[in-house]
């Protein structure tokens, strides 16, 4: 199988991002042609000055830096906007999924620690899968990775389903509603809404988790807007999470998804005590502490230099000053108008 491309969206966490890409490169560089590093238009805690630092750490990697004009965080644009490429490119991973010329795109969160060649193992598993025989491509592997947000799913709580059984556990509308009634998952109101719309299987929390997964690029392009009619991966279109409606739609067209848990080959949020990186977006102390853990890891494994060039320090200070002045002017304008 030929080399593939990689895509990571950068929303803060420069040291985590460096850990992610430098350890991925350490174990899987022979598979990688290009890395798309998407720098979100908005950055948490005004840490725009960290971007030059990140570029310095990653200077030896084959990276294309992408700067979308739009930023949706956990949302998505109106469906009517999707004919506009710039609005689509604001969705997570969409730019790379449209621009890559490789068969597969590897997508990863920017707070991962790769400890083995997970990418190579996924490629080997896909290669072992029997080729699809249908004329329309159904039966082809559309993606491989950890399937299911099982921690949010009532069927998992009832010990009826998990990522290895998502294809065969097919409840009726009534049975699924009873499971939601009995186990009251965190997004129960969304489950009820989807059940009423006859979105039963795969279950509402089922998706290919983008912590670390491979996407079949030709299958994606053939079926997804703007070429096809399926909504893009990077939107929470029916209120659940990224990739859920895309996963549901492709699965029901007959495409395959292979459940391939990332552990023990990769750790997600390795410097957090809760296994999740999301909370750090709104809890600055947690953000600082986990970033310090990532920095310590990088230094102790000689992945980054202890000292950075003086010119880089000046560049970072100039960016900080620019944003401080901008924020001061905004506050002054608000005070004068209000």
C-alpha atoms as a PDB file:
ATOM      1  CA  UNK A   1       0.000   0.000   0.000  1.00  0.00           C
ATOM      2  CA  UNK A   2       1.325   3.449  -0.922  1.00  0.00           C
ATOM      3  CA  UNK A   3       2.044   6.238   1.552  1.00  0.00           C
ATOM      4  CA  UNK A   4      -0.824   8.153   3.104  1.00  0.00           C
ATOM      5  CA  UNK A   5      -1.437  11.687   4.337  1.00  0.00           C
ATOM      6  CA  UNK A   6      -2.129  12.818   7.903  1.00  0.00           C
ATOM      7  CA  UNK A   7      -4.419  15.562   9.201  1.00  0.00           C
ATOM      8  CA  UNK A   8      -4.499  17.164  12.645  1.00  0.00           C
ATOM      9  CA  UNK A   9      -6.485  20.215  13.726  1.00  0.00           C
ATOM     10  CA  UNK A  10      -4.592  22.527  16.066  1.00  0.00           C
ATOM     11  CA  UNK A  11      -6.693  24.199  18.765  1.00  0.00           C
ATOM     12  CA  UNK A  12      -4.114  25.160  21.356  1.00  0.00           C
ATOM     13  CA  UNK A  13      -1.783  22.748  23.164  1.00  0.00           C
ATOM     14  CA  UNK A  14       1.500  23.313  21.315  1.00  0.00           C
ATOM     15  CA  UNK A  15       3.428  20.860  23.479  1.00  0.00           C
ATOM     16  CA  UNK A  16       0.731  18.189  23.184  1.00  0.00           C
ATOM     17  CA  UNK A  17       0.670  18.709  19.430  1.00  0.00           C
ATOM     18  CA  UNK A  18       4.444  18.328  19.266  1.00  0.00           C
ATOM     19  CA  UNK A  19       4.207  15.089  21.276  1.00  0.00           C
ATOM     20  CA  UNK A  20       1.500  13.812  18.918  1.00  0.00           C
ATOM     21  CA  UNK A  21       3.312  14.502  15.676  1.00  0.00           C
ATOM     22  CA  UNK A  22       6.865  13.765  16.784  1.00  0.00           C
ATOM     23  CA  UNK A  23       5.931  10.377  18.286  1.00  0.00           C
ATOM     24  CA  UNK A  24       3.703   9.531  15.311  1.00  0.00           C
ATOM     25  CA  UNK A  25       6.605  10.399  13.009  1.00  0.00           C
ATOM     26  CA  UNK A  26       9.039   8.390  15.131  1.00  0.00           C
ATOM     27  CA  UNK A  27       7.025   5.187  14.763  1.00  0.00           C
ATOM     28  CA  UNK A  28       5.225   5.621  11.424  1.00  0.00           C
ATOM     29  CA  UNK A  29       7.220   8.018   9.230  1.00  0.00           C
ATOM     30  CA  UNK A  30       7.733   5.428   6.492  1.00  0.00           C
ATOM     31  CA  UNK A  31       3.984   5.461   5.812  1.00  0.00           C
ATOM     32  CA  UNK A  32       3.545   9.246   5.736  1.00  0.00           C
ATOM     33  CA  UNK A  33       3.764  11.453   2.653  1.00  0.00           C
ATOM     34  CA  UNK A  34       2.398  14.759   3.980  1.00  0.00           C
ATOM     35  CA  UNK A  35       0.929  16.170   7.187  1.00  0.00           C
ATOM     36  CA  UNK A  36      -1.875  18.737   7.002  1.00  0.00           C
ATOM     37  CA  UNK A  37      -1.750  20.779  10.197  1.00  0.00           C
ATOM     38  CA  UNK A  38      -4.896  22.898  10.343  1.00  0.00           C
ATOM     39  CA  UNK A  39      -4.436  25.983  12.530  1.00  0.00           C
ATOM     40  CA  UNK A  40      -7.881  26.966  13.806  1.00  0.00           C
ATOM     41  CA  UNK A  41      -8.842  30.600  13.292  1.00  0.00           C
ATOM     42  CA  UNK A  42      -9.641  30.973  17.015  1.00  0.00           C
ATOM     43  CA  UNK A  43      -7.162  29.783  19.646  1.00  0.00           C
ATOM     44  CA  UNK A  44      -7.893  29.115  23.350  1.00  0.00           C
ATOM     45  CA  UNK A  45      -6.576  31.530  25.955  1.00  0.00           C
ATOM     46  CA  UNK A  46      -5.271  33.841  23.190  1.00  0.00           C
ATOM     47  CA  UNK A  47      -2.265  31.557  22.681  1.00  0.00           C
ATOM     48  CA  UNK A  48      -1.544  32.735  19.146  1.00  0.00           C
ATOM     49  CA  UNK A  49       2.105  33.246  20.050  1.00  0.00           C
ATOM     50  CA  UNK A  50       2.515  29.492  20.500  1.00  0.00           C
ATOM     51  CA  UNK A  51       2.149  28.815  16.768  1.00  0.00           C
ATOM     52  CA  UNK A  52       5.717  29.931  15.834  1.00  0.00           C
ATOM     53  CA  UNK A  53       7.003  27.763  18.702  1.00  0.00           C
ATOM     54  CA  UNK A  54       5.108  24.759  17.354  1.00  0.00           C
ATOM     55  CA  UNK A  55       6.478  25.365  13.859  1.00  0.00           C
ATOM     56  CA  UNK A  56       9.989  25.426  15.296  1.00  0.00           C
ATOM     57  CA  UNK A  57       9.480  22.072  17.028  1.00  0.00           C
ATOM     58  CA  UNK A  58       8.069  20.508  13.840  1.00  0.00           C
ATOM     59  CA  UNK A  59      10.458  22.124  11.364  1.00  0.00           C
ATOM     60  CA  UNK A  60      11.838  18.815  10.059  1.00  0.00           C
ATOM     61  CA  UNK A  61       8.448  17.250   9.264  1.00  0.00           C
ATOM     62  CA  UNK A  62       6.696  17.415   5.838  1.00  0.00           C
ATOM     63  CA  UNK A  63       3.906  19.751   6.984  1.00  0.00           C
ATOM     64  CA  UNK A  64       1.476  21.924   5.052  1.00  0.00           C
ATOM     65  CA  UNK A  65       0.020  24.543   7.395  1.00  0.00           C
ATOM     66  CA  UNK A  66      -3.625  25.341   6.678  1.00  0.00           C
ATOM     67  CA  UNK A  67      -5.424  28.455   7.976  1.00  0.00           C
ATOM     68  CA  UNK A  68      -9.239  28.202   7.560  1.00  0.00           C
ATOM     69  CA  UNK A  69     -11.296  31.400   7.412  1.00  0.00           C
ATOM     70  CA  UNK A  70     -14.081  29.860   9.525  1.00  0.00           C
ATOM     71  CA  UNK A  71     -14.134  28.151  12.908  1.00  0.00           C
ATOM     72  CA  UNK A  72     -17.035  26.097  14.284  1.00  0.00           C
ATOM     73  CA  UNK A  73     -15.508  24.407  17.362  1.00  0.00           C
ATOM     74  CA  UNK A  74     -18.131  21.710  18.098  1.00  0.00           C
ATOM     75  CA  UNK A  75     -20.733  23.084  15.696  1.00  0.00           C
ATOM     76  CA  UNK A  76     -21.140  23.280  11.952  1.00  0.00           C
ATOM     77  CA  UNK A  77     -22.298  25.708   9.258  1.00  0.00           C
ATOM     78  CA  UNK A  78     -25.781  25.793   7.800  1.00  0.00           C
ATOM     79  CA  UNK A  79     -26.180  23.042   5.219  1.00  0.00           C
ATOM     80  CA  UNK A  80     -26.931  25.664   2.581  1.00  0.00           C
ATOM     81  CA  UNK A  81     -23.424  27.078   3.099  1.00  0.00           C
ATOM     82  CA  UNK A  82     -21.670  23.873   2.075  1.00  0.00           C
ATOM     83  CA  UNK A  83     -21.410  24.899  -1.574  1.00  0.00           C
ATOM     84  CA  UNK A  84     -18.833  27.467  -0.419  1.00  0.00           C
ATOM     85  CA  UNK A  85     -15.406  25.755  -0.129  1.00  0.00           C
ATOM     86  CA  UNK A  86     -14.099  28.195   2.490  1.00  0.00           C
ATOM     87  CA  UNK A  87     -17.060  27.494   4.767  1.00  0.00           C
ATOM     88  CA  UNK A  88     -16.558  23.746   4.314  1.00  0.00           C
ATOM     89  CA  UNK A  89     -12.841  24.019   5.071  1.00  0.00           C
ATOM     90  CA  UNK A  90     -13.725  25.359   8.517  1.00  0.00           C
ATOM     91  CA  UNK A  91     -15.027  21.877   9.377  1.00  0.00           C
ATOM     92  CA  UNK A  92     -12.542  19.560  11.061  1.00  0.00           C
ATOM     93  CA  UNK A  93     -10.371  17.582   8.603  1.00  0.00           C
ATOM     94  CA  UNK A  94     -12.404  18.710   5.574  1.00  0.00           C
ATOM     95  CA  UNK A  95      -9.586  20.562   3.800  1.00  0.00           C
ATOM     96  CA  UNK A  96      -7.320  17.499   3.851  1.00  0.00           C
ATOM     97  CA  UNK A  97     -10.151  15.154   2.870  1.00  0.00           C
ATOM     98  CA  UNK A  98     -10.748  17.276  -0.230  1.00  0.00           C
ATOM     99  CA  UNK A  99      -7.107  18.010  -1.083  1.00  0.00           C
ATOM    100  CA  UNK A 100      -5.226  14.776  -0.365  1.00  0.00           C
ATOM    101  CA  UNK A 101      -4.302  12.708  -3.414  1.00  0.00           C
ATOM    102  CA  UNK A 102      -3.667   9.579  -1.337  1.00  0.00           C
ATOM    103  CA  UNK A 103      -5.954   6.584  -0.895  1.00  0.00           C
ATOM    104  CA  UNK A 104      -6.117   7.001   2.871  1.00  0.00           C
ATOM    105  CA  UNK A 105      -5.976   9.937   5.269  1.00  0.00           C
ATOM    106  CA  UNK A 106      -4.952   9.341   8.878  1.00  0.00           C
ATOM    107  CA  UNK A 107      -6.736  11.676  11.296  1.00  0.00           C
ATOM    108  CA  UNK A 108      -5.615  12.244  14.875  1.00  0.00           C
ATOM    109  CA  UNK A 109      -6.384  14.430  17.844  1.00  0.00           C
ATOM    110  CA  UNK A 110      -3.555  16.756  18.805  1.00  0.00           C
ATOM    111  CA  UNK A 111      -3.237  15.343  22.329  1.00  0.00           C
ATOM    112  CA  UNK A 112      -1.985  11.828  21.678  1.00  0.00           C
ATOM    113  CA  UNK A 113       1.138   9.872  22.544  1.00  0.00           C
ATOM    114  CA  UNK A 114       2.091   7.237  19.951  1.00  0.00           C
ATOM    115  CA  UNK A 115       4.115   4.377  21.396  1.00  0.00           C
ATOM    116  CA  UNK A 116       4.031   1.997  18.424  1.00  0.00           C
ATOM    117  CA  UNK A 117       3.310   1.963  14.697  1.00  0.00           C
ATOM    118  CA  UNK A 118      -0.468   2.151  15.036  1.00  0.00           C
ATOM    119  CA  UNK A 119      -0.744   3.611  11.552  1.00  0.00           C
ATOM    120  CA  UNK A 120       1.135   0.689  10.009  1.00  0.00           C
ATOM    121  CA  UNK A 121      -0.977  -1.834  11.902  1.00  0.00           C
ATOM    122  CA  UNK A 122      -4.172  -0.175  10.621  1.00  0.00           C
ATOM    123  CA  UNK A 123      -2.884  -0.200   7.034  1.00  0.00           C
ATOM    124  CA  UNK A 124      -2.030  -3.894   7.333  1.00  0.00           C
ATOM    125  CA  UNK A 125      -5.503  -4.685   8.683  1.00  0.00           C
ATOM    126  CA  UNK A 126      -7.192  -2.811   5.823  1.00  0.00           C
ATOM    127  CA  UNK A 127      -5.041  -4.645   3.296  1.00  0.00           C
ATOM    128  CA  UNK A 128      -6.163  -7.976   4.778  1.00  0.00           C
ATOM    129  CA  UNK A 129      -9.857  -7.100   4.334  1.00  0.00           C
ATOM    130  CA  UNK A 130     -11.424  -8.874   1.314  1.00  0.00           C
ATOM    131  CA  UNK A 131     -11.961  -6.520  -1.628  1.00  0.00           C
ATOM    132  CA  UNK A 132     -15.506  -5.364  -2.348  1.00  0.00           C
ATOM    133  CA  UNK A 133     -17.129  -7.056  -5.334  1.00  0.00           C
ATOM    134  CA  UNK A 134     -20.071  -4.694  -5.900  1.00  0.00           C
ATOM    135  CA  UNK A 135     -20.151  -2.301  -8.842  1.00  0.00           C
ATOM    136  CA  UNK A 136     -21.047   0.733  -6.724  1.00  0.00           C
ATOM    137  CA  UNK A 137     -18.223   0.187  -4.218  1.00  0.00           C
ATOM    138  CA  UNK A 138     -20.428  -0.916  -1.323  1.00  0.00           C
ATOM    139  CA  UNK A 139     -18.534  -3.338   0.892  1.00  0.00           C
ATOM    140  CA  UNK A 140     -15.352  -1.311   0.611  1.00  0.00           C
ATOM    141  CA  UNK A 141     -13.632  -0.268   3.847  1.00  0.00           C
ATOM    142  CA  UNK A 142     -14.583   3.371   4.465  1.00  0.00           C
ATOM    143  CA  UNK A 143     -12.617   3.702   7.684  1.00  0.00           C
ATOM    144  CA  UNK A 144     -10.776   1.938  10.485  1.00  0.00           C
ATOM    145  CA  UNK A 145     -10.325   2.980  14.103  1.00  0.00           C
ATOM    146  CA  UNK A 146     -12.088   2.810  17.449  1.00  0.00           C
ATOM    147  CA  UNK A 147     -15.808   2.485  16.752  1.00  0.00           C
ATOM    148  CA  UNK A 148     -18.415   3.842  19.131  1.00  0.00           C
ATOM    149  CA  UNK A 149     -18.712   6.385  21.897  1.00  0.00           C
ATOM    150  CA  UNK A 150     -19.791   3.476  24.050  1.00  0.00           C
ATOM    151  CA  UNK A 151     -19.364   5.416  27.294  1.00  0.00           C
ATOM    152  CA  UNK A 152     -22.426   7.478  26.248  1.00  0.00           C
ATOM    153  CA  UNK A 153     -24.508   4.571  24.928  1.00  0.00           C
ATOM    154  CA  UNK A 154     -27.351   2.824  26.797  1.00  0.00           C
ATOM    155  CA  UNK A 155     -26.787  -0.413  24.852  1.00  0.00           C
ATOM    156  CA  UNK A 156     -23.236  -0.551  26.190  1.00  0.00           C
ATOM    157  CA  UNK A 157     -24.484   0.146  29.718  1.00  0.00           C
ATOM    158  CA  UNK A 158     -26.857  -2.785  29.285  1.00  0.00           C
ATOM    159  CA  UNK A 159     -23.912  -4.965  28.121  1.00  0.00           C
ATOM    160  CA  UNK A 160     -25.642  -5.593  24.788  1.00  0.00           C
ATOM    161  CA  UNK A 161     -23.271  -3.811  22.404  1.00  0.00           C
ATOM    162  CA  UNK A 162     -19.775  -2.398  21.960  1.00  0.00           C
ATOM    163  CA  UNK A 163     -17.435  -1.451  19.122  1.00  0.00           C
ATOM    164  CA  UNK A 164     -16.875  -5.085  18.154  1.00  0.00           C
ATOM    165  CA  UNK A 165     -20.604  -5.847  18.005  1.00  0.00           C
ATOM    166  CA  UNK A 166     -22.084  -2.657  16.541  1.00  0.00           C
ATOM    167  CA  UNK A 167     -22.909  -4.365  13.226  1.00  0.00           C
ATOM    168  CA  UNK A 168     -24.926  -7.190  14.758  1.00  0.00           C
ATOM    169  CA  UNK A 169     -26.796  -5.465  17.589  1.00  0.00           C
ATOM    170  CA  UNK A 170     -29.838  -4.125  15.739  1.00  0.00           C
ATOM    171  CA  UNK A 171     -32.663  -3.203  18.152  1.00  0.00           C
ATOM    172  CA  UNK A 172     -36.164  -2.244  17.135  1.00  0.00           C
ATOM    173  CA  UNK A 173     -37.355   1.304  17.637  1.00  0.00           C
ATOM    174  CA  UNK A 174     -39.193   0.266  20.795  1.00  0.00           C
ATOM    175  CA  UNK A 175     -36.250  -1.698  22.190  1.00  0.00           C
ATOM    176  CA  UNK A 176     -33.866   1.222  21.718  1.00  0.00           C
ATOM    177  CA  UNK A 177     -36.281   3.624  23.380  1.00  0.00           C
ATOM    178  CA  UNK A 178     -36.585   1.258  26.351  1.00  0.00           C
ATOM    179  CA  UNK A 179     -32.786   1.191  26.684  1.00  0.00           C
ATOM    180  CA  UNK A 180     -32.659   4.993  26.729  1.00  0.00           C
ATOM    181  CA  UNK A 181     -35.474   5.055  29.320  1.00  0.00           C
ATOM    182  CA  UNK A 182     -33.653   2.554  31.524  1.00  0.00           C
ATOM    183  CA  UNK A 183     -30.104   3.951  31.368  1.00  0.00           C
ATOM    184  CA  UNK A 184     -30.624   7.702  30.773  1.00  0.00           C
ATOM    185  CA  UNK A 185     -27.441   8.410  28.750  1.00  0.00           C
ATOM    186  CA  UNK A 186     -25.897  11.923  28.819  1.00  0.00           C
ATOM    187  CA  UNK A 187     -27.496  12.877  25.498  1.00  0.00           C
ATOM    188  CA  UNK A 188     -30.813  11.121  26.043  1.00  0.00           C
ATOM    189  CA  UNK A 189     -32.831  13.991  24.529  1.00  0.00           C
ATOM    190  CA  UNK A 190     -30.870  13.614  21.284  1.00  0.00           C
ATOM    191  CA  UNK A 191     -31.377   9.842  21.305  1.00  0.00           C
ATOM    192  CA  UNK A 192     -35.138  10.290  21.595  1.00  0.00           C
ATOM    193  CA  UNK A 193     -35.136  12.814  18.748  1.00  0.00           C
ATOM    194  CA  UNK A 194     -33.205  10.472  16.477  1.00  0.00           C
ATOM    195  CA  UNK A 195     -35.343   7.468  17.391  1.00  0.00           C
ATOM    196  CA  UNK A 196     -38.418   9.455  16.367  1.00  0.00           C
ATOM    197  CA  UNK A 197     -36.689  10.128  13.024  1.00  0.00           C
ATOM    198  CA  UNK A 198     -36.142   6.362  12.593  1.00  0.00           C
ATOM    199  CA  UNK A 199     -32.356   6.711  13.010  1.00  0.00           C
ATOM    200  CA  UNK A 200     -31.943   3.436  14.844  1.00  0.00           C
ATOM    201  CA  UNK A 201     -28.898   1.592  13.521  1.00  0.00           C
ATOM    202  CA  UNK A 202     -26.038   2.209  13.863  1.00  0.00           C
ATOM    203  CA  UNK A 203     -27.035   3.554  17.270  1.00  0.00           C
ATOM    204  CA  UNK A 204     -26.990   7.336  17.917  1.00  0.00           C
ATOM    205  CA  UNK A 205     -23.581   7.313  19.652  1.00  0.00           C
ATOM    206  CA  UNK A 206     -21.972   5.076  17.035  1.00  0.00           C
ATOM    207  CA  UNK A 207     -19.186   6.659  15.011  1.00  0.00           C
ATOM    208  CA  UNK A 208     -15.585   6.198  13.935  1.00  0.00           C
ATOM    209  CA  UNK A 209     -13.735   8.117  16.648  1.00  0.00           C
ATOM    210  CA  UNK A 210     -11.279  10.598  15.196  1.00  0.00           C
ATOM    211  CA  UNK A 211      -8.766  10.200  18.040  1.00  0.00           C
ATOM    212  CA  UNK A 212      -6.791   8.070  15.592  1.00  0.00           C
ATOM    213  CA  UNK A 213      -8.405   6.652  12.461  1.00  0.00           C
ATOM    214  CA  UNK A 214      -7.888   6.013   8.761  1.00  0.00           C
ATOM    215  CA  UNK A 215     -10.401   7.311   6.225  1.00  0.00           C
ATOM    216  CA  UNK A 216     -10.760   6.011   2.677  1.00  0.00           C
ATOM    217  CA  UNK A 217     -10.422   9.258   0.703  1.00  0.00           C
ATOM    218  CA  UNK A 218     -12.020   8.152  -2.633  1.00  0.00           C
ATOM    219  CA  UNK A 219     -15.027   6.703  -0.774  1.00  0.00           C
ATOM    220  CA  UNK A 220     -15.354   9.910   1.226  1.00  0.00           C
ATOM    221  CA  UNK A 221     -15.241  12.152  -1.844  1.00  0.00           C
ATOM    222  CA  UNK A 222     -17.642  10.033  -3.858  1.00  0.00           C
ATOM    223  CA  UNK A 223     -20.339  10.145  -1.184  1.00  0.00           C
ATOM    224  CA  UNK A 224     -19.835  13.394   0.726  1.00  0.00           C
ATOM    225  CA  UNK A 225     -20.726  16.990  -0.159  1.00  0.00           C
ATOM    226  CA  UNK A 226     -19.816  18.660  -2.499  1.00  0.00           C
ATOM    227  CA  UNK A 227     -19.595  15.623  -4.826  1.00  0.00           C
ATOM    228  CA  UNK A 228     -22.076  13.397  -3.025  1.00  0.00           C
ATOM    229  CA  UNK A 229     -25.045  14.053  -0.761  1.00  0.00           C
ATOM    230  CA  UNK A 230     -23.800  12.887   2.667  1.00  0.00           C
ATOM    231  CA  UNK A 231     -22.892  15.605   5.169  1.00  0.00           C
ATOM    232  CA  UNK A 232     -19.175  16.024   5.978  1.00  0.00           C
ATOM    233  CA  UNK A 233     -17.400  14.239   8.796  1.00  0.00           C
ATOM    234  CA  UNK A 234     -16.539  17.360  10.774  1.00  0.00           C
ATOM    235  CA  UNK A 235     -19.963  18.529  11.907  1.00  0.00           C
ATOM    236  CA  UNK A 236     -22.307  17.572  14.752  1.00  0.00           C
ATOM    237  CA  UNK A 237     -25.216  17.698  12.334  1.00  0.00           C
ATOM    238  CA  UNK A 238     -27.852  15.939  14.421  1.00  0.00           C
ATOM    239  CA  UNK A 239     -26.531  17.022  17.799  1.00  0.00           C
ATOM    240  CA  UNK A 240     -24.344  14.060  18.731  1.00  0.00           C
ATOM    241  CA  UNK A 241     -20.678  14.346  17.793  1.00  0.00           C
ATOM    242  CA  UNK A 242     -18.255  14.687  14.907  1.00  0.00           C
ATOM    243  CA  UNK A 243     -18.573  11.912  12.363  1.00  0.00           C
ATOM    244  CA  UNK A 244     -21.760  10.323  13.692  1.00  0.00           C
ATOM    245  CA  UNK A 245     -24.128  11.129  10.830  1.00  0.00           C
ATOM    246  CA  UNK A 246     -21.377  10.517   8.259  1.00  0.00           C
ATOM    247  CA  UNK A 247     -20.724   7.093   9.815  1.00  0.00           C
ATOM    248  CA  UNK A 248     -24.436   6.257   9.967  1.00  0.00           C
ATOM    249  CA  UNK A 249     -25.008   7.261   6.344  1.00  0.00           C
ATOM    250  CA  UNK A 250     -22.039   5.387   4.870  1.00  0.00           C
ATOM    251  CA  UNK A 251     -22.726   2.255   6.910  1.00  0.00           C
ATOM    252  CA  UNK A 252     -26.286   2.167   5.608  1.00  0.00           C
ATOM    253  CA  UNK A 253     -24.963   2.401   2.055  1.00  0.00           C
ATOM    254  CA  UNK A 254     -23.096  -0.836   2.648  1.00  0.00           C
ATOM    255  CA  UNK A 255     -19.589   0.435   3.365  1.00  0.00           C
ATOM    256  CA  UNK A 256     -17.451  -1.277   6.000  1.00  0.00           C
ATOM    257  CA  UNK A 257     -15.945   0.117   9.178  1.00  0.00           C
ATOM    258  CA  UNK A 258     -13.309  -1.885  11.047  1.00  0.00           C
ATOM    259  CA  UNK A 259     -13.161  -1.571  14.812  1.00  0.00           C
ATOM    260  CA  UNK A 260      -9.487  -1.154  15.740  1.00  0.00           C
ATOM    261  CA  UNK A 261      -8.936   0.228  19.279  1.00  0.00           C
ATOM    262  CA  UNK A 262      -5.846   2.417  19.548  1.00  0.00           C
ATOM    263  CA  UNK A 263      -4.634   1.069  22.886  1.00  0.00           C
ATOM    264  CA  UNK A 264      -1.946  -0.025  23.723  1.00  0.00           C
ATOM    265  CA  UNK A 265      -0.302   1.538  20.656  1.00  0.00           C
ATOM    266  CA  UNK A 266      -1.423   5.077  21.496  1.00  0.00           C
ATOM    267  CA  UNK A 267      -2.560   6.979  24.578  1.00  0.00           C
ATOM    268  CA  UNK A 268      -5.186   9.697  24.278  1.00  0.00           C
ATOM    269  CA  UNK A 269      -4.756  12.692  26.635  1.00  0.00           C
ATOM    270  CA  UNK A 270      -1.755  11.009  28.311  1.00  0.00           C
ATOM    271  CA  UNK A 271      -0.946  13.958  30.571  1.00  0.00           C
ATOM    272  CA  UNK A 272      -4.473  14.351  31.919  1.00  0.00           C
ATOM    273  CA  UNK A 273      -5.774  12.522  34.954  1.00  0.00           C
ATOM    274  CA  UNK A 274      -9.195  11.987  33.387  1.00  0.00           C
ATOM    275  CA  UNK A 275      -8.338  10.577  29.946  1.00  0.00           C
ATOM    276  CA  UNK A 276     -10.004  13.490  28.188  1.00  0.00           C
ATOM    277  CA  UNK A 277      -8.502  16.554  26.590  1.00  0.00           C
ATOM    278  CA  UNK A 278     -11.774  18.436  26.146  1.00  0.00           C
ATOM    279  CA  UNK A 279     -11.990  19.873  29.677  1.00  0.00           C
ATOM    280  CA  UNK A 280      -8.696  21.704  29.211  1.00  0.00           C
ATOM    281  CA  UNK A 281     -10.421  23.938  26.638  1.00  0.00           C
ATOM    282  CA  UNK A 282     -12.343  25.633  29.444  1.00  0.00           C
ATOM    283  CA  UNK A 283     -10.204  24.975  32.544  1.00  0.00           C
ATOM    284  CA  UNK A 284      -6.989  26.977  32.271  1.00  0.00           C
ATOM    285  CA  UNK A 285      -5.240  25.394  35.259  1.00  0.00           C
ATOM    286  CA  UNK A 286      -5.817  21.964  33.742  1.00  0.00           C
ATOM    287  CA  UNK A 287      -4.588  23.279  30.389  1.00  0.00           C
ATOM    288  CA  UNK A 288      -1.360  24.599  31.953  1.00  0.00           C
ATOM    289  CA  UNK A 289      -0.708  21.449  33.970  1.00  0.00           C
ATOM    290  CA  UNK A 290      -1.196  19.053  31.078  1.00  0.00           C
ATOM    291  CA  UNK A 291       0.893  21.223  28.760  1.00  0.00           C
ATOM    292  CA  UNK A 292       3.676  21.173  31.358  1.00  0.00           C
ATOM    293  CA  UNK A 293       3.457  17.386  31.390  1.00  0.00           C
ATOM    294  CA  UNK A 294       3.768  17.289  27.599  1.00  0.00           C
ATOM    295  CA  UNK A 295       6.749  19.665  27.680  1.00  0.00           C
ATOM    296  CA  UNK A 296       8.476  17.518  30.309  1.00  0.00           C
ATOM    297  CA  UNK A 297       7.947  14.431  28.143  1.00  0.00           C
ATOM    298  CA  UNK A 298       9.399  16.143  25.067  1.00  0.00           C
ATOM    299  CA  UNK A 299      12.484  17.348  26.935  1.00  0.00           C
ATOM    300  CA  UNK A 300      13.109  14.064  28.742  1.00  0.00           C
ATOM    301  CA  UNK A 301      12.957  12.154  25.441  1.00  0.00           C
ATOM    302  CA  UNK A 302      15.127  14.706  23.602  1.00  0.00           C
ATOM    303  CA  UNK A 303      12.388  15.460  21.106  1.00  0.00           C
ATOM    304  CA  UNK A 304      12.746  19.243  21.413  1.00  0.00           C
ATOM    305  CA  UNK A 305      15.716  21.464  22.336  1.00  0.00           C
ATOM    306  CA  UNK A 306      15.962  22.892  25.841  1.00  0.00           C
ATOM    307  CA  UNK A 307      16.572  26.409  24.535  1.00  0.00           C
ATOM    308  CA  UNK A 308      14.830  28.248  21.709  1.00  0.00           C
ATOM    309  CA  UNK A 309      16.374  30.924  19.461  1.00  0.00           C
ATOM    310  CA  UNK A 310      16.270  34.519  20.651  1.00  0.00           C
ATOM    311  CA  UNK A 311      14.607  35.583  17.390  1.00  0.00           C
ATOM    312  CA  UNK A 312      11.751  33.177  18.098  1.00  0.00           C
ATOM    313  CA  UNK A 313      11.307  34.679  21.558  1.00  0.00           C
ATOM    314  CA  UNK A 314      11.074  38.131  19.974  1.00  0.00           C
ATOM    315  CA  UNK A 315       8.510  36.902  17.433  1.00  0.00           C
ATOM    316  CA  UNK A 316       6.354  35.417  20.177  1.00  0.00           C
ATOM    317  CA  UNK A 317       6.536  38.610  22.234  1.00  0.00           C
ATOM    318  CA  UNK A 318       5.502  40.696  19.205  1.00  0.00           C
ATOM    319  CA  UNK A 319       2.441  38.475  18.696  1.00  0.00           C
ATOM    320  CA  UNK A 320       1.491  38.724  22.383  1.00  0.00           C
ATOM    321  CA  UNK A 321       1.817  42.511  22.309  1.00  0.00           C
ATOM    322  CA  UNK A 322      -0.291  42.749  19.152  1.00  0.00           C
ATOM    323  CA  UNK A 323      -3.135  40.781  20.744  1.00  0.00           C
ATOM    324  CA  UNK A 324      -2.901  42.665  24.028  1.00  0.00           C
ATOM    325  CA  UNK A 325      -3.316  45.959  22.173  1.00  0.00           C
ATOM    326  CA  UNK A 326      -6.166  44.531  20.109  1.00  0.00           C
ATOM    327  CA  UNK A 327      -8.006  43.289  23.199  1.00  0.00           C
ATOM    328  CA  UNK A 328      -7.480  46.626  24.942  1.00  0.00           C
ATOM    329  CA  UNK A 329      -8.966  48.496  21.974  1.00  0.00           C
ATOM    330  CA  UNK A 330     -11.966  46.147  21.891  1.00  0.00           C
ATOM    331  CA  UNK A 331     -12.626  46.712  25.612  1.00  0.00           C
ATOM    332  CA  UNK A 332     -12.293  50.448  25.146  1.00  0.00           C
ATOM    333  CA  UNK A 333     -14.726  50.423  22.215  1.00  0.00           C
ATOM    334  CA  UNK A 334     -17.257  48.402  24.212  1.00  0.00           C
ATOM    335  CA  UNK A 335     -16.947  50.800  27.130  1.00  0.00           C
ATOM    336  CA  UNK A 336     -17.443  53.871  24.924  1.00  0.00           C
ATOM    337  CA  UNK A 337     -20.399  52.390  23.015  1.00  0.00           C
ATOM    338  CA  UNK A 338     -22.045  50.757  26.041  1.00  0.00           C
END
